């Protein structure tokens, strides 16, 4: 996938500061204002469903190149200061490359959003083994009851990691799919990869791509 043409969302898991918790929308507004003309299309804030003291941001950049150019620009300080003020310590950041921004929005605005990190184990081939399984997952999810939308793409930082963002109506729908129609392909993915899944519910967002 060409990074110059792909949407480049960042997923950031972090400990929110008191200033952020007082008014997440205000902080999102400051961040969006300083980055809207620099390539950011939208941003969303949510909470880790398994740890309500952990927040999650998704910041979708128009392209990886535009994001990197913004980071090198003097005006980047106006963006990064409110980001840093919103966090206690540093966050866990993953950036990925996607082709379908609308599917990302569907996943993030669902009642439940799953973030799936699939890291290929050594001695396995990404193009030959993992990518066909991810394509099958993507296609199956389009017709699964209770799935609002999903998108998949390679991690920028981790060469052997594929990241999925999938929206669900409920955890029951997710469980039914995992134990039913998706069971075989998931088993094959786990045979060649390490899989981490985190869940969030989003409550605030800016404009959509």
N, C-alpha and C. Protein backbone atom coordinates (compact mmCIF):
# COMPACT_ATOMS: atom_id res chain seq x y z
N UNK A 1 0.85 -1.19 0.00
CA UNK A 1 0.00 0.00 0.00
C UNK A 1 0.88 1.24 0.00
N UNK A 2 0.61 2.20 -0.86
CA UNK A 2 1.39 3.42 -0.91
C UNK A 2 1.01 4.33 0.24
N UNK A 3 2.00 4.67 1.09
CA UNK A 3 1.71 5.51 2.24
C UNK A 3 1.30 6.92 1.83
N UNK A 4 1.74 7.38 0.65
CA UNK A 4 1.39 8.73 0.22
C UNK A 4 -0.10 8.85 -0.10
N UNK A 5 -0.76 7.74 -0.45
CA UNK A 5 -2.15 7.78 -0.87
C UNK A 5 -3.12 7.34 0.23
N UNK A 6 -2.62 6.70 1.28
CA UNK A 6 -3.48 6.10 2.29
C UNK A 6 -3.75 7.03 3.45
N UNK A 7 -4.95 6.91 4.01
CA UNK A 7 -5.28 7.56 5.26
C UNK A 7 -4.35 7.00 6.34
N UNK A 8 -3.93 7.86 7.29
CA UNK A 8 -2.92 7.42 8.27
C UNK A 8 -3.37 7.73 9.69
N UNK A 9 -4.38 7.02 10.21
CA UNK A 9 -4.83 7.29 11.58
C UNK A 9 -3.83 6.82 12.63
N UNK A 10 -3.77 7.60 13.71
CA UNK A 10 -3.00 7.20 14.89
C UNK A 10 -3.98 6.72 15.96
N UNK A 11 -3.62 5.63 16.62
CA UNK A 11 -4.38 5.14 17.77
C UNK A 11 -3.50 5.37 18.99
N UNK A 12 -4.00 6.11 19.97
CA UNK A 12 -3.20 6.47 21.14
C UNK A 12 -3.95 6.07 22.40
N UNK A 13 -3.40 5.14 23.17
CA UNK A 13 -3.95 4.76 24.47
C UNK A 13 -3.17 5.53 25.53
N UNK A 14 -3.86 6.19 26.48
CA UNK A 14 -3.15 7.07 27.40
C UNK A 14 -3.93 7.25 28.70
N UNK A 15 -3.23 7.78 29.72
CA UNK A 15 -3.87 8.15 30.98
C UNK A 15 -4.27 9.62 30.90
N UNK A 16 -5.56 9.93 30.92
CA UNK A 16 -6.00 11.31 30.77
C UNK A 16 -5.64 12.18 31.99
N UNK A 17 -5.28 13.43 31.72
CA UNK A 17 -5.01 14.38 32.78
C UNK A 17 -6.34 14.93 33.34
N UNK A 18 -6.27 15.57 34.52
CA UNK A 18 -7.48 16.18 35.10
C UNK A 18 -8.03 17.26 34.18
N UNK A 19 -7.13 18.02 33.56
CA UNK A 19 -7.56 19.08 32.65
C UNK A 19 -8.35 18.50 31.49
N UNK A 20 -7.90 17.36 30.99
CA UNK A 20 -8.61 16.73 29.88
C UNK A 20 -9.98 16.21 30.31
N UNK A 21 -10.01 15.55 31.46
CA UNK A 21 -11.26 14.95 31.93
C UNK A 21 -12.32 16.00 32.23
N UNK A 22 -11.90 17.21 32.57
CA UNK A 22 -12.86 18.27 32.85
C UNK A 22 -13.68 18.64 31.61
N UNK A 23 -13.04 18.59 30.44
CA UNK A 23 -13.75 18.96 29.21
C UNK A 23 -13.04 18.37 27.99
N UNK A 24 -13.28 17.08 27.70
CA UNK A 24 -12.61 16.46 26.55
C UNK A 24 -12.90 17.17 25.23
N UNK A 25 -14.12 17.65 25.05
CA UNK A 25 -14.46 18.30 23.78
C UNK A 25 -13.69 19.60 23.58
N UNK A 26 -13.44 20.32 24.67
CA UNK A 26 -12.66 21.54 24.56
C UNK A 26 -11.24 21.24 24.10
N UNK A 27 -10.64 20.22 24.71
CA UNK A 27 -9.28 19.85 24.33
C UNK A 27 -9.23 19.33 22.90
N UNK A 28 -10.23 18.54 22.52
CA UNK A 28 -10.30 18.07 21.13
C UNK A 28 -10.42 19.24 20.17
N UNK A 29 -11.19 20.25 20.57
CA UNK A 29 -11.35 21.42 19.72
C UNK A 29 -10.04 22.14 19.50
N UNK A 30 -9.25 22.29 20.57
CA UNK A 30 -7.95 22.95 20.45
C UNK A 30 -7.02 22.16 19.53
N UNK A 31 -7.05 20.85 19.69
CA UNK A 31 -6.19 19.99 18.87
C UNK A 31 -6.63 20.04 17.41
N UNK A 32 -7.93 19.98 17.19
CA UNK A 32 -8.44 20.00 15.83
C UNK A 32 -8.17 21.35 15.16
N UNK A 33 -8.32 22.43 15.91
CA UNK A 33 -8.11 23.76 15.37
C UNK A 33 -6.68 23.96 14.89
N UNK A 34 -5.72 23.42 15.64
CA UNK A 34 -4.32 23.62 15.30
C UNK A 34 -3.83 22.67 14.20
N UNK A 35 -4.65 21.68 13.83
CA UNK A 35 -4.19 20.67 12.88
C UNK A 35 -5.06 20.52 11.64
N UNK A 36 -6.23 21.19 11.62
CA UNK A 36 -7.19 20.98 10.53
C UNK A 36 -6.61 21.31 9.17
N UNK A 37 -5.79 22.34 9.10
CA UNK A 37 -5.19 22.73 7.82
C UNK A 37 -3.84 22.08 7.59
N UNK A 38 -3.48 21.19 8.49
CA UNK A 38 -2.19 20.51 8.39
C UNK A 38 -2.34 19.03 8.05
N UNK A 39 -3.56 18.61 7.71
CA UNK A 39 -3.73 17.22 7.27
C UNK A 39 -4.58 16.34 8.16
N UNK A 40 -5.02 16.83 9.34
CA UNK A 40 -5.89 15.99 10.17
C UNK A 40 -7.33 16.09 9.68
N UNK A 41 -7.94 14.94 9.46
CA UNK A 41 -9.32 14.90 8.97
C UNK A 41 -10.34 14.82 10.09
N UNK A 42 -10.02 14.06 11.14
CA UNK A 42 -10.96 13.90 12.25
C UNK A 42 -10.23 13.36 13.45
N UNK A 43 -10.85 13.50 14.63
CA UNK A 43 -10.28 12.91 15.84
C UNK A 43 -11.43 12.46 16.74
N UNK A 44 -11.22 11.36 17.45
CA UNK A 44 -12.24 10.77 18.32
C UNK A 44 -11.62 10.43 19.67
N UNK A 45 -12.41 10.58 20.71
CA UNK A 45 -11.97 10.24 22.06
C UNK A 45 -12.89 9.19 22.66
N UNK A 46 -12.28 8.19 23.30
CA UNK A 46 -13.05 7.15 23.96
C UNK A 46 -12.37 6.67 25.22
N UNK A 47 -12.95 5.64 25.81
CA UNK A 47 -12.45 5.06 27.06
C UNK A 47 -12.29 3.55 26.87
N UNK A 48 -11.19 3.03 27.41
CA UNK A 48 -10.93 1.59 27.40
C UNK A 48 -12.02 0.90 28.23
N UNK A 49 -12.73 -0.05 27.62
CA UNK A 49 -13.84 -0.71 28.32
C UNK A 49 -13.38 -1.60 29.46
N UNK A 50 -12.12 -2.01 29.43
CA UNK A 50 -11.61 -2.88 30.48
C UNK A 50 -10.84 -2.11 31.55
N UNK A 51 -10.64 -0.81 31.34
CA UNK A 51 -9.93 0.04 32.29
C UNK A 51 -10.40 1.47 32.08
N UNK A 52 -11.37 1.91 32.87
CA UNK A 52 -11.97 3.22 32.63
C UNK A 52 -11.05 4.38 32.99
N UNK A 53 -9.85 4.09 33.49
CA UNK A 53 -8.86 5.14 33.73
C UNK A 53 -7.91 5.31 32.55
N UNK A 54 -8.15 4.56 31.49
CA UNK A 54 -7.34 4.68 30.27
C UNK A 54 -8.20 5.23 29.15
N UNK A 55 -7.71 6.29 28.53
CA UNK A 55 -8.41 6.88 27.40
C UNK A 55 -7.80 6.42 26.10
N UNK A 56 -8.52 6.65 25.01
CA UNK A 56 -7.99 6.33 23.69
C UNK A 56 -8.39 7.43 22.72
N UNK A 57 -7.43 7.86 21.93
CA UNK A 57 -7.65 8.80 20.85
C UNK A 57 -7.46 8.10 19.53
N UNK A 58 -8.22 8.48 18.55
CA UNK A 58 -7.91 8.13 17.17
C UNK A 58 -7.86 9.44 16.40
N UNK A 59 -6.70 9.75 15.86
CA UNK A 59 -6.49 10.95 15.06
C UNK A 59 -6.18 10.52 13.63
N UNK A 60 -7.08 10.85 12.72
CA UNK A 60 -6.94 10.39 11.33
C UNK A 60 -6.30 11.48 10.48
N UNK A 61 -5.12 11.18 9.94
CA UNK A 61 -4.40 12.11 9.08
C UNK A 61 -4.66 11.76 7.62
N UNK A 62 -4.72 12.79 6.79
CA UNK A 62 -5.05 12.58 5.37
C UNK A 62 -4.05 11.66 4.71
N UNK A 63 -2.77 11.84 4.99
CA UNK A 63 -1.72 10.94 4.52
C UNK A 63 -0.59 10.92 5.54
N UNK A 64 0.22 9.91 5.50
CA UNK A 64 1.39 9.83 6.37
C UNK A 64 2.37 10.96 6.06
N UNK A 65 2.52 11.28 4.77
CA UNK A 65 3.44 12.34 4.36
C UNK A 65 3.04 13.68 4.96
N UNK A 66 1.74 14.03 4.89
CA UNK A 66 1.28 15.29 5.46
C UNK A 66 1.49 15.34 6.97
N UNK A 67 1.27 14.21 7.64
CA UNK A 67 1.50 14.16 9.08
C UNK A 67 2.97 14.39 9.40
N UNK A 68 3.85 13.74 8.67
CA UNK A 68 5.28 13.89 8.91
C UNK A 68 5.75 15.30 8.60
N UNK A 69 5.21 15.92 7.56
CA UNK A 69 5.56 17.29 7.23
C UNK A 69 5.11 18.24 8.34
N UNK A 70 3.92 18.00 8.90
CA UNK A 70 3.41 18.82 9.99
C UNK A 70 4.32 18.70 11.22
N UNK A 71 4.78 17.49 11.51
CA UNK A 71 5.66 17.27 12.67
C UNK A 71 6.96 18.05 12.54
N UNK A 72 7.40 18.30 11.30
CA UNK A 72 8.65 19.04 11.08
C UNK A 72 8.43 20.55 10.98
N UNK A 73 7.16 20.98 11.02
CA UNK A 73 6.82 22.39 10.86
C UNK A 73 6.84 23.10 12.22
N UNK A 74 7.19 24.40 12.20
CA UNK A 74 7.26 25.16 13.45
C UNK A 74 5.90 25.24 14.15
N UNK A 75 4.81 25.19 13.38
CA UNK A 75 3.47 25.30 13.97
C UNK A 75 3.05 24.04 14.73
N UNK A 76 3.83 22.98 14.65
CA UNK A 76 3.48 21.72 15.31
C UNK A 76 3.40 21.90 16.83
N UNK A 77 4.16 22.86 17.36
CA UNK A 77 4.15 23.07 18.81
C UNK A 77 2.75 23.46 19.29
N UNK A 78 1.97 24.19 18.46
CA UNK A 78 0.62 24.58 18.85
C UNK A 78 -0.31 23.37 18.93
N UNK A 79 0.03 22.32 18.24
CA UNK A 79 -0.74 21.08 18.27
C UNK A 79 -0.31 20.19 19.43
N UNK A 80 1.00 20.04 19.60
CA UNK A 80 1.49 19.03 20.54
C UNK A 80 1.33 19.48 21.99
N UNK A 81 1.31 20.79 22.28
CA UNK A 81 1.16 21.23 23.67
C UNK A 81 -0.18 20.78 24.26
N UNK A 82 -1.34 21.04 23.61
CA UNK A 82 -2.59 20.52 24.20
C UNK A 82 -2.66 19.00 24.24
N UNK A 83 -1.99 18.32 23.29
CA UNK A 83 -1.93 16.86 23.34
C UNK A 83 -1.20 16.41 24.61
N UNK A 84 -0.04 17.03 24.87
CA UNK A 84 0.75 16.67 26.05
C UNK A 84 0.02 17.04 27.33
N UNK A 85 -0.69 18.18 27.32
CA UNK A 85 -1.44 18.60 28.51
C UNK A 85 -2.59 17.65 28.81
N UNK A 86 -3.04 16.90 27.81
CA UNK A 86 -4.16 15.98 27.99
C UNK A 86 -3.75 14.65 28.59
N UNK A 87 -2.45 14.39 28.66
CA UNK A 87 -1.96 13.09 29.08
C UNK A 87 -1.16 13.18 30.38
N UNK A 88 -1.19 12.08 31.12
CA UNK A 88 -0.27 11.88 32.23
C UNK A 88 0.76 10.87 31.74
N UNK A 89 2.00 11.32 31.60
CA UNK A 89 3.03 10.45 31.02
C UNK A 89 2.88 10.38 29.50
N UNK A 90 3.39 9.31 28.93
CA UNK A 90 3.33 9.13 27.48
C UNK A 90 2.29 8.08 27.13
N UNK A 91 1.79 8.13 25.92
CA UNK A 91 0.80 7.17 25.47
C UNK A 91 1.41 6.05 24.65
N UNK A 92 0.60 5.03 24.38
CA UNK A 92 0.99 3.94 23.48
C UNK A 92 0.43 4.27 22.10
N UNK A 93 1.31 4.53 21.15
CA UNK A 93 0.90 5.03 19.84
C UNK A 93 1.13 3.99 18.75
N UNK A 94 0.11 3.77 17.94
CA UNK A 94 0.23 2.95 16.74
C UNK A 94 -0.39 3.73 15.58
N UNK A 95 0.35 3.86 14.50
CA UNK A 95 -0.19 4.50 13.30
C UNK A 95 -0.31 3.44 12.22
N UNK A 96 -1.42 3.49 11.48
CA UNK A 96 -1.64 2.51 10.43
C UNK A 96 -2.06 3.20 9.15
N UNK A 97 -2.07 2.44 8.07
CA UNK A 97 -2.42 2.96 6.75
C UNK A 97 -3.70 2.30 6.27
N UNK A 98 -4.69 3.13 5.90
CA UNK A 98 -6.01 2.64 5.49
C UNK A 98 -6.41 3.28 4.17
N UNK A 99 -7.31 2.58 3.45
CA UNK A 99 -7.85 3.12 2.21
C UNK A 99 -9.28 3.63 2.36
N UNK A 100 -9.98 3.21 3.42
CA UNK A 100 -11.40 3.53 3.53
C UNK A 100 -11.71 4.28 4.81
N UNK A 101 -11.77 5.63 4.71
CA UNK A 101 -12.06 6.43 5.88
C UNK A 101 -13.48 6.28 6.38
N UNK A 102 -14.43 6.01 5.50
CA UNK A 102 -15.82 5.86 5.93
C UNK A 102 -16.01 4.63 6.81
N UNK A 103 -15.31 3.55 6.49
CA UNK A 103 -15.39 2.36 7.34
C UNK A 103 -14.79 2.64 8.71
N UNK A 104 -13.73 3.45 8.75
CA UNK A 104 -13.14 3.83 10.04
C UNK A 104 -14.16 4.58 10.89
N UNK A 105 -14.85 5.53 10.30
CA UNK A 105 -15.86 6.30 11.03
C UNK A 105 -16.98 5.39 11.52
N UNK A 106 -17.44 4.47 10.69
CA UNK A 106 -18.48 3.53 11.11
C UNK A 106 -18.04 2.72 12.34
N UNK A 107 -16.78 2.29 12.33
CA UNK A 107 -16.27 1.50 13.45
C UNK A 107 -16.16 2.33 14.72
N UNK A 108 -15.73 3.59 14.58
CA UNK A 108 -15.52 4.43 15.75
C UNK A 108 -16.82 4.96 16.34
N UNK A 109 -17.87 5.04 15.54
CA UNK A 109 -19.15 5.55 16.03
C UNK A 109 -20.11 4.43 16.42
N UNK A 110 -19.65 3.20 16.37
CA UNK A 110 -20.46 2.06 16.82
C UNK A 110 -20.53 2.05 18.35
N UNK A 111 -21.49 1.35 18.93
CA UNK A 111 -21.58 1.27 20.39
C UNK A 111 -20.34 0.65 21.05
N UNK A 112 -19.63 -0.20 20.30
CA UNK A 112 -18.45 -0.89 20.81
C UNK A 112 -17.42 -0.95 19.69
N UNK A 113 -16.18 -0.56 19.98
CA UNK A 113 -15.13 -0.60 18.97
C UNK A 113 -14.00 -1.51 19.43
N UNK A 114 -13.64 -2.46 18.57
CA UNK A 114 -12.53 -3.37 18.85
C UNK A 114 -11.31 -2.95 18.06
N UNK A 115 -10.16 -2.96 18.72
CA UNK A 115 -8.88 -2.70 18.07
C UNK A 115 -8.09 -4.01 18.11
N UNK A 116 -7.79 -4.55 16.95
CA UNK A 116 -7.14 -5.86 16.84
C UNK A 116 -5.74 -5.67 16.29
N UNK A 117 -4.74 -6.10 17.07
CA UNK A 117 -3.35 -5.99 16.67
C UNK A 117 -2.83 -7.40 16.38
N UNK A 118 -2.52 -7.69 15.13
CA UNK A 118 -2.07 -9.01 14.71
C UNK A 118 -0.60 -8.91 14.30
N UNK A 119 0.26 -9.56 15.06
CA UNK A 119 1.70 -9.52 14.78
C UNK A 119 2.18 -10.88 14.31
N UNK A 120 2.64 -10.94 13.09
CA UNK A 120 3.10 -12.19 12.49
C UNK A 120 4.34 -12.70 13.22
N UNK A 121 4.34 -14.00 13.53
CA UNK A 121 5.50 -14.60 14.19
C UNK A 121 6.63 -14.83 13.19
N UNK A 122 7.86 -14.96 13.70
CA UNK A 122 9.01 -15.22 12.81
C UNK A 122 8.80 -16.50 12.00
N UNK A 123 9.42 -16.55 10.84
CA UNK A 123 9.41 -17.69 9.92
C UNK A 123 8.09 -17.84 9.18
N UNK A 124 7.21 -16.83 9.28
CA UNK A 124 5.96 -16.84 8.52
C UNK A 124 5.98 -15.67 7.53
N UNK A 125 5.29 -15.86 6.42
CA UNK A 125 5.30 -14.87 5.34
C UNK A 125 4.03 -14.02 5.38
N UNK A 126 4.22 -12.70 5.47
CA UNK A 126 3.07 -11.80 5.59
C UNK A 126 2.19 -11.84 4.35
N UNK A 127 2.79 -11.67 3.16
CA UNK A 127 2.01 -11.59 1.93
C UNK A 127 1.32 -12.92 1.62
N UNK A 128 2.00 -14.02 1.86
CA UNK A 128 1.47 -15.33 1.48
C UNK A 128 0.52 -15.91 2.52
N UNK A 129 0.79 -15.67 3.82
CA UNK A 129 0.00 -16.30 4.88
C UNK A 129 -0.98 -15.36 5.58
N UNK A 130 -0.50 -14.18 6.02
CA UNK A 130 -1.35 -13.32 6.83
C UNK A 130 -2.33 -12.49 6.02
N UNK A 131 -1.87 -11.85 4.97
CA UNK A 131 -2.73 -10.93 4.22
C UNK A 131 -3.98 -11.61 3.64
N UNK A 132 -3.89 -12.85 3.12
CA UNK A 132 -5.13 -13.50 2.66
C UNK A 132 -6.13 -13.75 3.79
N UNK A 133 -5.64 -14.03 4.98
CA UNK A 133 -6.54 -14.24 6.12
C UNK A 133 -7.21 -12.93 6.53
N UNK A 134 -6.46 -11.83 6.50
CA UNK A 134 -7.03 -10.53 6.84
C UNK A 134 -8.10 -10.14 5.82
N UNK A 135 -7.83 -10.43 4.53
CA UNK A 135 -8.84 -10.14 3.50
C UNK A 135 -10.10 -10.94 3.74
N UNK A 136 -9.95 -12.19 4.15
CA UNK A 136 -11.11 -13.03 4.43
C UNK A 136 -11.89 -12.48 5.63
N UNK A 137 -11.19 -12.06 6.67
CA UNK A 137 -11.85 -11.46 7.82
C UNK A 137 -12.63 -10.21 7.41
N UNK A 138 -11.99 -9.37 6.61
CA UNK A 138 -12.63 -8.13 6.16
C UNK A 138 -13.91 -8.44 5.39
N UNK A 139 -13.85 -9.40 4.50
CA UNK A 139 -15.02 -9.74 3.68
C UNK A 139 -16.13 -10.37 4.51
N UNK A 140 -15.76 -11.25 5.43
CA UNK A 140 -16.77 -11.90 6.29
C UNK A 140 -17.48 -10.89 7.17
N UNK A 141 -16.73 -9.92 7.70
CA UNK A 141 -17.31 -8.95 8.61
C UNK A 141 -18.38 -8.10 7.95
N UNK A 142 -18.30 -7.93 6.65
CA UNK A 142 -19.28 -7.10 5.93
C UNK A 142 -20.69 -7.66 6.03
N UNK A 143 -20.82 -8.96 6.27
CA UNK A 143 -22.14 -9.59 6.29
C UNK A 143 -22.49 -10.19 7.65
N UNK A 144 -21.68 -9.91 8.66
CA UNK A 144 -21.94 -10.45 10.00
C UNK A 144 -22.98 -9.60 10.72
N UNK A 145 -24.06 -10.19 11.26
CA UNK A 145 -25.04 -9.41 12.01
C UNK A 145 -24.39 -8.70 13.21
N UNK A 146 -24.71 -7.42 13.37
CA UNK A 146 -24.19 -6.67 14.50
C UNK A 146 -22.86 -5.98 14.27
N UNK A 147 -22.25 -6.22 13.11
CA UNK A 147 -21.00 -5.54 12.78
C UNK A 147 -21.33 -4.24 12.04
N UNK A 148 -20.91 -3.11 12.60
CA UNK A 148 -21.23 -1.80 12.02
C UNK A 148 -20.27 -1.40 10.90
N UNK A 149 -19.06 -1.93 10.93
CA UNK A 149 -18.06 -1.58 9.93
C UNK A 149 -16.68 -1.95 10.43
N UNK A 150 -15.74 -2.06 9.51
CA UNK A 150 -14.39 -2.43 9.92
C UNK A 150 -13.37 -2.07 8.86
N UNK A 151 -12.16 -1.83 9.29
CA UNK A 151 -11.08 -1.51 8.37
C UNK A 151 -9.78 -2.12 8.89
N UNK A 152 -8.88 -2.40 7.96
CA UNK A 152 -7.63 -3.07 8.30
C UNK A 152 -6.49 -2.42 7.53
N UNK A 153 -5.32 -2.38 8.18
CA UNK A 153 -4.17 -1.84 7.49
C UNK A 153 -2.87 -2.15 8.24
N UNK A 154 -1.75 -2.00 7.55
CA UNK A 154 -0.45 -2.28 8.18
C UNK A 154 -0.05 -1.19 9.15
N UNK A 155 0.65 -1.59 10.22
CA UNK A 155 1.22 -0.65 11.16
C UNK A 155 2.41 0.06 10.52
N UNK A 156 2.54 1.36 10.77
CA UNK A 156 3.68 2.12 10.27
C UNK A 156 4.94 1.76 11.06
N UNK A 157 4.78 1.62 12.38
CA UNK A 157 5.96 1.42 13.24
C UNK A 157 6.42 -0.03 13.28
N UNK A 158 5.49 -0.96 13.17
CA UNK A 158 5.84 -2.39 13.34
C UNK A 158 5.60 -3.13 12.02
N UNK A 159 6.68 -3.52 11.39
CA UNK A 159 6.63 -4.05 10.03
C UNK A 159 5.77 -5.29 9.90
N UNK A 160 5.70 -6.12 10.93
CA UNK A 160 4.98 -7.39 10.84
C UNK A 160 3.62 -7.35 11.53
N UNK A 161 3.08 -6.15 11.74
CA UNK A 161 1.81 -6.02 12.45
C UNK A 161 0.72 -5.45 11.55
N UNK A 162 -0.43 -6.10 11.57
CA UNK A 162 -1.63 -5.64 10.89
C UNK A 162 -2.63 -5.20 11.97
N UNK A 163 -3.31 -4.08 11.72
CA UNK A 163 -4.23 -3.54 12.73
C UNK A 163 -5.63 -3.47 12.15
N UNK A 164 -6.60 -3.94 12.93
CA UNK A 164 -8.00 -3.86 12.54
C UNK A 164 -8.78 -2.98 13.51
N UNK A 165 -9.73 -2.20 12.99
CA UNK A 165 -10.63 -1.40 13.81
C UNK A 165 -12.04 -1.80 13.39
N UNK A 166 -12.79 -2.42 14.31
CA UNK A 166 -14.08 -3.02 13.97
C UNK A 166 -15.14 -2.54 14.96
N UNK A 167 -16.26 -2.06 14.43
CA UNK A 167 -17.36 -1.61 15.26
C UNK A 167 -18.43 -2.67 15.43
N UNK A 168 -18.93 -2.82 16.67
CA UNK A 168 -19.95 -3.81 16.98
C UNK A 168 -21.14 -3.17 17.69
N UNK A 169 -22.30 -3.77 17.48
CA UNK A 169 -23.51 -3.34 18.20
C UNK A 169 -23.40 -3.70 19.68
N UNK A 170 -22.80 -4.86 19.98
CA UNK A 170 -22.68 -5.30 21.36
C UNK A 170 -21.60 -6.37 21.45
N UNK A 171 -21.17 -6.65 22.68
CA UNK A 171 -20.19 -7.72 22.87
C UNK A 171 -20.82 -9.08 22.56
N UNK A 172 -22.11 -9.20 22.74
CA UNK A 172 -22.79 -10.45 22.39
C UNK A 172 -22.69 -10.73 20.90
N UNK A 173 -22.90 -9.71 20.07
CA UNK A 173 -22.74 -9.89 18.62
C UNK A 173 -21.31 -10.28 18.27
N UNK A 174 -20.38 -9.62 18.91
CA UNK A 174 -18.97 -9.95 18.67
C UNK A 174 -18.68 -11.40 19.05
N UNK A 175 -19.15 -11.83 20.24
CA UNK A 175 -18.90 -13.19 20.70
C UNK A 175 -19.54 -14.22 19.77
N UNK A 176 -20.75 -13.95 19.32
CA UNK A 176 -21.43 -14.87 18.40
C UNK A 176 -20.63 -15.04 17.10
N UNK A 177 -20.09 -13.94 16.60
CA UNK A 177 -19.32 -14.00 15.36
C UNK A 177 -18.02 -14.76 15.55
N UNK A 178 -17.34 -14.49 16.66
CA UNK A 178 -16.04 -15.12 16.93
C UNK A 178 -16.20 -16.63 17.13
N UNK A 179 -17.29 -17.03 17.76
CA UNK A 179 -17.51 -18.45 18.01
C UNK A 179 -18.19 -19.15 16.83
N UNK A 180 -18.74 -18.35 15.93
CA UNK A 180 -19.46 -18.92 14.79
C UNK A 180 -18.70 -18.79 13.49
N UNK A 181 -19.16 -17.89 12.61
CA UNK A 181 -18.64 -17.82 11.24
C UNK A 181 -17.17 -17.44 11.17
N UNK A 182 -16.67 -16.71 12.17
CA UNK A 182 -15.27 -16.26 12.11
C UNK A 182 -14.30 -17.24 12.79
N UNK A 183 -14.82 -18.28 13.41
CA UNK A 183 -13.99 -19.15 14.25
C UNK A 183 -12.82 -19.77 13.48
N UNK A 184 -13.08 -20.27 12.29
CA UNK A 184 -12.02 -20.97 11.54
C UNK A 184 -10.91 -20.03 11.12
N UNK A 185 -11.27 -18.88 10.57
CA UNK A 185 -10.24 -17.95 10.11
C UNK A 185 -9.46 -17.36 11.29
N UNK A 186 -10.13 -17.14 12.41
CA UNK A 186 -9.43 -16.64 13.60
C UNK A 186 -8.43 -17.67 14.12
N UNK A 187 -8.84 -18.92 14.10
CA UNK A 187 -7.93 -19.98 14.53
C UNK A 187 -6.68 -20.01 13.65
N UNK A 188 -6.85 -19.83 12.35
CA UNK A 188 -5.71 -19.84 11.43
C UNK A 188 -4.81 -18.62 11.66
N UNK A 189 -5.43 -17.48 11.96
CA UNK A 189 -4.63 -16.28 12.26
C UNK A 189 -3.79 -16.52 13.51
N UNK A 190 -4.39 -17.10 14.55
CA UNK A 190 -3.67 -17.32 15.80
C UNK A 190 -2.57 -18.37 15.67
N UNK A 191 -2.67 -19.24 14.68
CA UNK A 191 -1.62 -20.24 14.46
C UNK A 191 -0.32 -19.63 13.98
N UNK A 192 -0.40 -18.47 13.34
CA UNK A 192 0.80 -17.86 12.78
C UNK A 192 1.12 -16.49 13.39
N UNK A 193 0.27 -16.02 14.30
CA UNK A 193 0.42 -14.65 14.80
C UNK A 193 0.13 -14.56 16.30
N UNK A 194 0.62 -13.48 16.89
CA UNK A 194 0.22 -13.09 18.23
C UNK A 194 -0.86 -12.02 18.09
N UNK A 195 -1.96 -12.19 18.81
CA UNK A 195 -3.11 -11.29 18.65
C UNK A 195 -3.42 -10.59 19.97
N UNK A 196 -3.53 -9.27 19.91
CA UNK A 196 -3.96 -8.47 21.06
C UNK A 196 -5.22 -7.72 20.65
N UNK A 197 -6.25 -7.75 21.53
CA UNK A 197 -7.51 -7.06 21.24
C UNK A 197 -7.85 -6.15 22.42
N UNK A 198 -8.17 -4.90 22.10
CA UNK A 198 -8.61 -3.94 23.11
C UNK A 198 -9.95 -3.36 22.66
N UNK A 199 -10.78 -2.98 23.64
CA UNK A 199 -12.11 -2.49 23.33
C UNK A 199 -12.31 -1.09 23.91
N UNK A 200 -13.05 -0.28 23.18
CA UNK A 200 -13.31 1.08 23.62
C UNK A 200 -14.72 1.50 23.25
N UNK A 201 -15.20 2.52 23.93
CA UNK A 201 -16.45 3.17 23.57
C UNK A 201 -16.16 4.66 23.41
N UNK A 202 -16.51 5.21 22.25
CA UNK A 202 -16.18 6.61 21.96
C UNK A 202 -17.36 7.51 22.27
N UNK A 203 -17.03 8.67 22.86
CA UNK A 203 -18.09 9.58 23.31
C UNK A 203 -17.95 10.99 22.71
N UNK A 204 -16.85 11.26 22.05
CA UNK A 204 -16.65 12.59 21.47
C UNK A 204 -15.87 12.46 20.18
N UNK A 205 -16.21 13.30 19.23
CA UNK A 205 -15.50 13.25 17.95
C UNK A 205 -15.63 14.54 17.19
N UNK A 206 -14.68 14.75 16.27
CA UNK A 206 -14.70 15.93 15.43
C UNK A 206 -15.30 15.57 14.09
N UNK A 207 -15.10 16.38 13.09
CA UNK A 207 -15.64 16.11 11.76
C UNK A 207 -15.11 14.81 11.19
N UNK A 208 -15.92 14.18 10.35
CA UNK A 208 -15.54 12.91 9.75
C UNK A 208 -14.84 13.12 8.42
N UNK A 209 -13.99 12.14 8.00
CA UNK A 209 -13.32 12.28 6.70
C UNK A 209 -14.30 12.09 5.56
